[in-house]
Amino acid sequence: MDYAHLALALALLPAVFGVINLRRLPRLAGRPPEGTLVSILIPARNEAANIGPCLEAALASTGCAIEVVVMDDGSTDATAEIVRGYAARDGRVRLVTAPSLPPGWTGKVHACARLAEAARGTHFLFIDADVRLSPHAAAAMAAHSVAHNIALVSGVPRQEMRSLGEGLTVPFINFLLLCYLPFGGRAIQRKPSLAAACGQLILVERRAYEATGGHSTIKGVLHDAVALARLFRERGHDTEIVDGTPLATCRMYEGFAQAWSGFIKNAREGMATPIGLPIWTVLLAGAHLWPWALLPDPEAIATILLMFALRAAVTLRTREPWWTVPLHPLTVIVALAIQWTALLRSALGLQSGWKGRAYPATRGA
């Protein structure tokens, strides 16, 4: 078998998907119709360091009416006190307190469900406390939803990375989405299994959310964004991934240890399944790692250059740090290590924890 030819063939798949998705990823602008009210909904658990800048950015929104509702989800720091200060100064801000977490629910999903109940808007914009919205984001996302009858609009914010550990992990999000998902989550394809969303930035149309049951229907999941997008498509509503880079910024994690724990949590409901992960390993390792073992074969060199060019194109479009591009092979290794670790932990029945809560292991099919 000619392994160099096989590696090149495996590399052509993400290259084709990447070129198409990068060209067709929607970039939003515009304002929604009069009467639109976007409820910016923020679940917050011990986010004293983040919640102030998050609120400042949300309150700077232009182009449509907004309200901002923050769910204090059992914080033990000054999160609630900071939000109360903003609410006293700006009537668009409200603080609500999460009730005790019921059995069978995960924390963020429960907070989002309760936030939706408290919201008054025609559209709900769910963001994390570490997200900083651009002024036009809420209006542009709502305008896109209304103009194209898309019930769920999501995008990956521009990711800020300030450490090597973040650079080795976070860029894989956009690379996987744009280079390995057919149609890149766009509404042109309505198949639920090809739905995608980023939990940092999700706008939903209120009527569709209530018709599907929203977060209450997916109460036990940890990767709520993808589950919500699949739910919407299963119930006949369009969903779409758009270019989130101009809409918001986010620093997901601070360092490698935090990133490792966060990605392992999400892996349990993503790639890390007994059937899926071996296939993903062949696809990713075959295209991005195996060619290095085949040097100096000319086709191996061509494959490596093609993968670096693809990674550079994704980095340029998503405005991620350029210094992460040379790390690409290591990023793939770390991504696979995270997935295999998550699968092993699940097989051993080990719990996962996040934000001070522990969740039982799930066993993928």
Protein backbone atom coordinates (compact mmCIF):
# COMPACT_ATOMS: atom_id res chain seq x y z
CA MET A 1 0.00 0.00 0.00
CA ASP A 2 1.23 3.50 -0.85
CA TYR A 3 0.86 5.24 2.50
CA ALA A 4 1.86 8.63 1.10
CA HIS A 5 -1.02 8.48 -1.39
CA LEU A 6 -3.41 7.50 1.40
CA ALA A 7 -2.28 10.38 3.61
CA LEU A 8 -2.74 12.83 0.74
CA ALA A 9 -6.23 11.46 0.08
CA LEU A 10 -7.13 11.89 3.75
CA ALA A 11 -5.83 15.46 3.60
CA LEU A 12 -7.90 16.35 0.55
CA LEU A 13 -11.14 15.80 2.48
CA PRO A 14 -10.65 18.65 5.00
CA ALA A 15 -9.04 20.79 2.29
CA VAL A 16 -12.16 20.63 0.10
CA PHE A 17 -14.55 21.14 3.01
CA GLY A 18 -12.38 23.97 4.32
CA VAL A 19 -12.26 25.91 1.07
CA ILE A 20 -16.02 25.64 0.59
CA ASN A 21 -16.92 26.49 4.19
CA LEU A 22 -14.51 29.42 4.44
CA ARG A 23 -15.95 30.92 1.26
CA ARG A 24 -19.58 30.48 2.25
CA LEU A 25 -19.52 31.18 5.99
CA PRO A 26 -22.11 33.97 6.41
CA ARG A 27 -20.91 37.32 7.73
CA LEU A 28 -23.75 39.26 9.32
CA ALA A 29 -24.91 42.87 9.26
CA GLY A 30 -28.17 44.78 9.44
CA ARG A 31 -30.93 45.50 11.90
CA PRO A 32 -34.06 43.51 12.78
CA PRO A 33 -37.60 44.87 12.35
CA GLU A 34 -39.14 47.32 14.80
CA GLY A 35 -40.52 45.58 17.85
CA THR A 36 -37.61 43.15 18.13
CA LEU A 37 -36.30 42.75 21.66
CA VAL A 38 -33.17 40.66 22.17
CA SER A 39 -32.81 39.19 25.65
CA ILE A 40 -29.10 38.72 26.32
CA LEU A 41 -29.01 35.81 28.76
CA ILE A 42 -25.92 35.09 30.84
CA PRO A 43 -25.55 32.07 33.14
CA ALA A 44 -22.93 32.97 35.75
CA ARG A 45 -21.30 30.82 38.42
CA ASN A 46 -18.37 32.44 40.23
CA GLU A 47 -17.71 34.91 37.41
CA ALA A 48 -16.72 37.99 39.43
CA ALA A 49 -13.67 38.52 37.23
CA ASN A 50 -15.70 38.38 34.02
CA ILE A 51 -19.22 39.60 34.61
CA GLY A 52 -18.46 43.35 34.70
CA PRO A 53 -16.73 43.52 31.28
CA CYS A 54 -19.34 41.14 29.88
CA LEU A 55 -22.16 43.46 30.98
CA GLU A 56 -20.35 46.55 29.73
CA ALA A 57 -20.08 45.03 26.25
CA ALA A 58 -23.68 43.79 26.22
CA LEU A 59 -25.06 47.16 27.31
CA ALA A 60 -23.15 48.85 24.46
CA SER A 61 -25.31 46.97 21.94
CA THR A 62 -26.81 49.07 19.14
CA GLY A 63 -29.36 48.53 16.38
CA CYS A 64 -32.18 46.99 18.43
CA ALA A 65 -33.71 47.00 21.87
CA ILE A 66 -32.08 44.72 24.42
CA GLU A 67 -32.42 43.52 27.96
CA VAL A 68 -29.72 41.70 29.91
CA VAL A 69 -30.63 38.96 32.36
CA VAL A 70 -27.95 37.31 34.51
CA MET A 71 -28.56 34.04 36.33
CA ASP A 72 -26.51 33.78 39.51
CA ASP A 73 -26.04 30.04 39.68
CA GLY A 74 -24.86 29.42 43.21
CA SER A 75 -21.89 31.79 43.12
CA THR A 76 -19.73 32.06 46.22
CA ASP A 77 -17.86 35.16 45.03
CA ALA A 78 -19.01 38.72 44.28
CA THR A 79 -20.82 37.88 41.00
CA ALA A 80 -24.31 38.73 42.29
CA GLU A 81 -23.15 41.92 44.02
CA ILE A 82 -21.52 43.20 40.84
CA VAL A 83 -24.67 42.50 38.79
CA ARG A 84 -26.84 44.26 41.38
CA GLY A 85 -24.66 47.33 40.97
CA TYR A 86 -25.25 47.37 37.22
CA ALA A 87 -28.98 46.76 37.67
CA ALA A 88 -29.21 49.75 40.01
CA ARG A 89 -27.67 51.97 37.34
CA ASP A 90 -29.33 50.56 34.21
CA GLY A 91 -32.91 49.32 34.08
CA ARG A 92 -32.08 46.97 31.21
CA VAL A 93 -30.18 44.71 33.59
CA ARG A 94 -31.84 42.13 35.83
CA LEU A 95 -30.40 39.58 38.24
CA VAL A 96 -32.20 36.32 38.86
CA THR A 97 -31.14 33.52 41.18
CA ALA A 98 -31.04 29.90 40.10
CA PRO A 99 -33.06 27.46 42.20
CA SER A 100 -31.39 24.30 43.44
CA LEU A 101 -30.20 22.03 40.65
CA PRO A 102 -32.84 19.30 40.14
CA PRO A 103 -31.80 15.68 39.64
CA GLY A 104 -31.00 14.81 36.04
CA TRP A 105 -30.01 18.34 35.04
CA THR A 106 -26.57 19.77 34.29
CA GLY A 107 -25.78 23.17 35.71
CA LYS A 108 -25.48 25.41 32.66
CA VAL A 109 -28.46 23.81 30.90
CA HIS A 110 -30.62 24.37 33.98
CA ALA A 111 -29.50 27.99 34.26
CA CYS A 112 -30.26 28.61 30.58
CA ALA A 113 -33.73 27.08 30.91
CA ARG A 114 -34.53 29.32 33.87
CA LEU A 115 -33.10 32.35 32.06
CA ALA A 116 -35.44 31.70 29.12
CA GLU A 117 -38.39 31.64 31.51
CA ALA A 118 -37.39 35.04 32.89
CA ALA A 119 -36.72 36.62 29.48
CA ARG A 120 -39.16 39.02 27.82
CA GLY A 121 -37.61 39.21 24.35
CA THR A 122 -38.63 38.08 20.90
CA HIS A 123 -35.16 36.50 20.64
CA PHE A 124 -32.88 34.97 23.25
CA LEU A 125 -29.12 35.49 22.92
CA PHE A 126 -27.30 33.06 25.21
CA ILE A 127 -23.70 34.02 25.94
CA ASP A 128 -21.07 32.95 28.46
CA ALA A 129 -19.73 35.40 31.02
CA ASP A 130 -16.32 35.38 29.32
CA VAL A 131 -17.82 36.62 26.03
CA ARG A 132 -17.55 40.26 24.99
CA LEU A 133 -20.21 41.15 22.42
CA SER A 134 -19.53 43.59 19.61
CA PRO A 135 -22.02 46.49 19.54
CA HIS A 136 -23.75 45.23 16.37
CA ALA A 137 -23.87 41.55 17.33
CA ALA A 138 -27.33 41.27 18.88
CA ALA A 139 -28.99 43.27 16.10
CA ALA A 140 -27.14 41.49 13.28
CA MET A 141 -27.92 38.01 14.61
CA ALA A 142 -31.60 38.85 15.13
CA ALA A 143 -31.79 40.44 11.65
CA HIS A 144 -30.31 37.30 10.09
CA SER A 145 -32.77 35.12 12.00
CA VAL A 146 -35.76 37.15 10.86
CA ALA A 147 -34.66 37.73 7.25
CA HIS A 148 -33.89 34.07 6.56
CA ASN A 149 -36.38 32.43 8.94
CA ILE A 150 -33.58 30.72 10.86
CA ALA A 151 -34.60 29.76 14.37
CA LEU A 152 -31.09 29.29 15.78
CA VAL A 153 -28.06 31.36 14.79
CA SER A 154 -24.66 30.65 16.33
CA GLY A 155 -21.03 31.48 15.75
CA VAL A 156 -17.63 30.94 17.31
CA PRO A 157 -16.38 34.24 18.79
CA ARG A 158 -12.85 35.35 18.03
CA GLN A 159 -10.79 33.31 20.46
CA GLU A 160 -8.23 35.11 22.57
CA MET A 161 -5.23 32.99 23.58
CA ARG A 162 -2.43 34.16 25.83
CA SER A 163 -0.58 30.99 26.70
CA LEU A 164 0.97 28.01 24.97
CA GLY A 165 -1.59 25.70 26.54
CA GLU A 166 -4.45 27.64 25.01
CA GLY A 167 -2.70 27.75 21.65
CA LEU A 168 -2.38 23.97 21.69
CA THR A 169 -6.08 23.35 22.33
CA VAL A 170 -8.50 26.15 21.47
CA PRO A 171 -7.74 26.50 17.71
CA PHE A 172 -9.00 22.99 17.10
CA ILE A 173 -12.60 24.23 17.52
CA ASN A 174 -12.67 26.31 14.35
CA PHE A 175 -10.47 23.90 12.44
CA LEU A 176 -12.76 20.95 13.13
CA LEU A 177 -15.91 22.94 12.41
CA LEU A 178 -14.73 24.44 9.14
CA CYS A 179 -12.66 21.58 7.76
CA TYR A 180 -14.46 18.43 8.86
CA LEU A 181 -18.16 19.31 8.99
CA PRO A 182 -19.91 19.09 5.61
CA PHE A 183 -21.72 22.38 4.88
CA GLY A 184 -20.13 23.89 8.02
CA GLY A 185 -23.41 23.99 9.93
CA ARG A 186 -25.09 26.25 7.37
CA ALA A 187 -28.87 26.20 6.95
CA ILE A 188 -28.57 24.90 3.39
CA GLN A 189 -28.33 21.43 5.00
CA ARG A 190 -31.10 20.48 7.45
CA LYS A 191 -29.85 17.09 8.59
CA PRO A 192 -29.77 17.01 12.44
CA SER A 193 -26.51 15.06 12.57
CA LEU A 194 -24.78 17.87 10.66
CA ALA A 195 -26.06 20.61 12.96
CA ALA A 196 -23.53 22.65 14.91
CA ALA A 197 -23.50 25.50 17.39
CA CYS A 198 -21.11 27.19 19.81
CA GLY A 199 -22.40 27.54 23.36
CA GLN A 200 -20.55 30.84 23.79
CA LEU A 201 -22.86 32.60 21.32
CA ILE A 202 -26.33 31.28 20.44
CA LEU A 203 -29.37 33.31 19.38
CA VAL A 204 -32.74 31.56 19.21
CA GLU A 205 -36.14 32.77 18.11
CA ARG A 206 -38.47 32.67 21.11
CA ARG A 207 -41.42 30.88 19.50
CA ALA A 208 -39.23 28.14 18.10
CA TYR A 209 -37.44 27.75 21.43
CA GLU A 210 -40.71 27.35 23.28
CA ALA A 211 -42.12 24.98 20.65
CA THR A 212 -39.12 22.65 20.97
CA GLY A 213 -38.99 22.80 24.75
CA GLY A 214 -35.54 24.39 24.54
CA HIS A 215 -33.05 23.48 27.24
CA SER A 216 -35.69 21.54 29.19
CA THR A 217 -35.67 18.94 26.42
CA ILE A 218 -31.89 18.41 26.67
CA LYS A 219 -31.58 18.81 30.44
CA GLY A 220 -28.99 16.09 31.03
CA VAL A 221 -26.38 17.05 28.43
CA LEU A 222 -23.07 18.83 28.95
CA HIS A 223 -22.47 19.88 25.33
CA ASP A 224 -25.69 21.89 25.21
CA ALA A 225 -24.97 23.88 22.04
CA VAL A 226 -24.81 20.94 19.64
CA ALA A 227 -27.71 19.19 21.38
CA LEU A 228 -29.87 22.32 21.06
CA ALA A 229 -29.04 22.73 17.37
CA ARG A 230 -29.87 19.09 16.67
CA LEU A 231 -33.12 19.40 18.63
CA PHE A 232 -34.19 22.41 16.56
CA ARG A 233 -33.51 20.60 13.29
CA GLU A 234 -35.28 17.47 14.49
CA ARG A 235 -38.36 19.61 15.18
CA GLY A 236 -38.29 21.21 11.73
CA HIS A 237 -36.48 24.49 12.43
CA ASP A 238 -33.46 25.78 10.52
CA THR A 239 -30.18 26.43 12.32
CA GLU A 240 -27.04 28.09 11.02
CA ILE A 241 -23.41 28.66 11.93
CA VAL A 242 -22.25 32.15 10.92
CA ASP A 243 -18.94 33.98 11.13
CA GLY A 244 -18.69 34.76 14.82
CA THR A 245 -15.32 36.49 14.61
CA PRO A 246 -16.76 40.02 14.10
CA LEU A 247 -19.60 39.41 16.57
CA ALA A 248 -17.76 38.73 19.82
CA THR A 249 -14.49 37.84 21.51
CA CYS A 250 -13.87 35.22 24.17
CA ARG A 251 -11.03 33.84 26.23
CA MET A 252 -12.32 30.36 26.96
CA TYR A 253 -9.62 29.08 29.27
CA GLU A 254 -6.58 30.32 31.14
CA GLY A 255 -3.82 27.82 30.53
CA PHE A 256 -3.46 24.20 29.55
CA ALA A 257 -4.89 22.53 32.68
CA GLN A 258 -8.18 24.42 32.46
CA ALA A 259 -8.44 23.82 28.71
CA TRP A 260 -7.75 20.10 29.16
CA SER A 261 -10.52 19.76 31.76
CA GLY A 262 -12.99 21.80 29.73
CA PHE A 263 -12.48 19.92 26.49
CA ILE A 264 -12.65 16.54 28.22
CA LYS A 265 -16.05 17.53 29.60
CA ASN A 266 -17.39 18.27 26.12
CA ALA A 267 -15.67 15.28 24.50
CA ARG A 268 -18.00 12.88 26.29
CA GLU A 269 -20.83 13.91 23.98
CA GLY A 270 -18.75 14.58 20.89
CA MET A 271 -16.01 12.53 19.24
CA ALA A 272 -15.15 10.35 22.25
CA THR A 273 -17.31 7.31 21.51
CA PRO A 274 -16.11 3.71 21.04
CA ILE A 275 -17.25 3.66 17.41
CA GLY A 276 -16.59 7.24 16.39
CA LEU A 277 -13.19 7.91 17.93
CA PRO A 278 -11.21 5.23 16.03
CA ILE A 279 -12.59 6.67 12.80
CA TRP A 280 -11.69 10.20 13.84
CA THR A 281 -8.22 9.01 14.81
CA VAL A 282 -7.62 7.60 11.33
CA LEU A 283 -8.94 10.76 9.66
CA LEU A 284 -6.94 13.18 11.80
CA ALA A 285 -3.74 11.24 12.37
CA GLY A 286 -3.66 10.02 8.77
CA ALA A 287 -3.81 13.53 7.32
CA HIS A 288 -1.94 15.59 9.91
CA LEU A 289 0.52 13.27 11.69
CA TRP A 290 1.35 10.24 9.55
CA PRO A 291 2.92 12.26 6.70
CA TRP A 292 5.71 13.32 9.08
CA ALA A 293 6.70 9.66 9.42
CA LEU A 294 6.85 9.33 5.63
CA LEU A 295 9.39 12.12 5.01
CA PRO A 296 11.18 12.78 2.71
CA ASP A 297 8.56 11.35 0.34
CA PRO A 298 7.46 14.20 -2.01
CA GLU A 299 3.78 13.41 -1.50
CA ALA A 300 4.27 13.50 2.26
CA ILE A 301 5.87 16.94 1.92
CA ALA A 302 2.93 18.08 -0.24
CA THR A 303 0.46 16.79 2.34
CA ILE A 304 2.21 18.59 5.21
CA LEU A 305 2.32 21.85 3.25
CA LEU A 306 -1.35 21.49 2.31
CA MET A 307 -2.36 21.02 5.96
CA PHE A 308 -0.34 24.00 7.11
CA ALA A 309 -1.87 26.12 4.33
CA LEU A 310 -5.34 25.02 5.37
CA ARG A 311 -4.65 25.79 9.01
CA ALA A 312 -3.27 29.20 8.03
CA ALA A 313 -6.42 29.97 6.03
CA VAL A 314 -8.64 29.11 8.99
CA THR A 315 -6.43 31.18 11.30
CA LEU A 316 -6.62 34.17 8.97
CA ARG A 317 -10.42 34.03 8.67
CA THR A 318 -11.02 33.53 12.39
CA ARG A 319 -8.32 36.04 13.42
CA GLU A 320 -6.66 33.62 15.78
CA PRO A 321 -3.00 34.21 16.76
CA TRP A 322 -0.54 33.44 13.97
CA TRP A 323 1.91 31.85 16.40
CA THR A 324 -0.51 28.92 16.78
CA VAL A 325 -0.14 27.82 13.13
CA PRO A 326 3.28 26.11 13.51
CA LEU A 327 1.82 24.22 16.48
CA HIS A 328 -0.77 22.52 14.30
CA PRO A 329 0.57 18.92 14.45
CA LEU A 330 0.87 19.21 18.23
CA THR A 331 -2.69 20.59 18.36
CA VAL A 332 -3.94 17.46 16.60
CA ILE A 333 -1.98 15.24 19.00
CA VAL A 334 -3.40 17.04 22.03
CA ALA A 335 -6.93 16.91 20.60
CA LEU A 336 -6.71 13.14 20.11
CA ALA A 337 -5.18 12.71 23.56
CA ILE A 338 -8.12 14.61 25.07
CA GLN A 339 -10.65 12.47 23.22
CA TRP A 340 -9.00 9.15 24.14
CA THR A 341 -8.66 10.26 27.76
CA ALA A 342 -12.35 11.17 27.86
CA LEU A 343 -13.31 7.81 26.36
CA LEU A 344 -11.15 5.92 28.84
CA ARG A 345 -12.56 7.86 31.79
CA SER A 346 -16.07 7.11 30.59
CA ALA A 347 -15.29 3.41 30.20
CA LEU A 348 -13.94 3.33 33.75
CA GLY A 349 -17.02 5.11 35.09
CA LEU A 350 -15.05 8.13 36.34
CA GLN A 351 -16.92 11.34 37.00
CA SER A 352 -16.27 14.63 35.26
CA GLY A 353 -16.40 17.93 37.09
CA TRP A 354 -16.87 21.55 36.09
CA LYS A 355 -17.48 24.74 38.05
CA GLY A 356 -17.49 22.79 41.30
CA ARG A 357 -20.06 20.23 40.16
CA ALA A 358 -19.48 16.54 39.45
CA TYR A 359 -21.35 14.64 36.74
CA PRO A 360 -21.56 10.87 36.28
CA ALA A 361 -19.71 9.28 33.40
CA THR A 362 -21.61 8.62 30.18
CA ARG A 363 -20.84 5.65 28.01
CA GLY A 364 -20.89 6.45 24.28
CA ALA A 365 -22.40 4.02 21.82
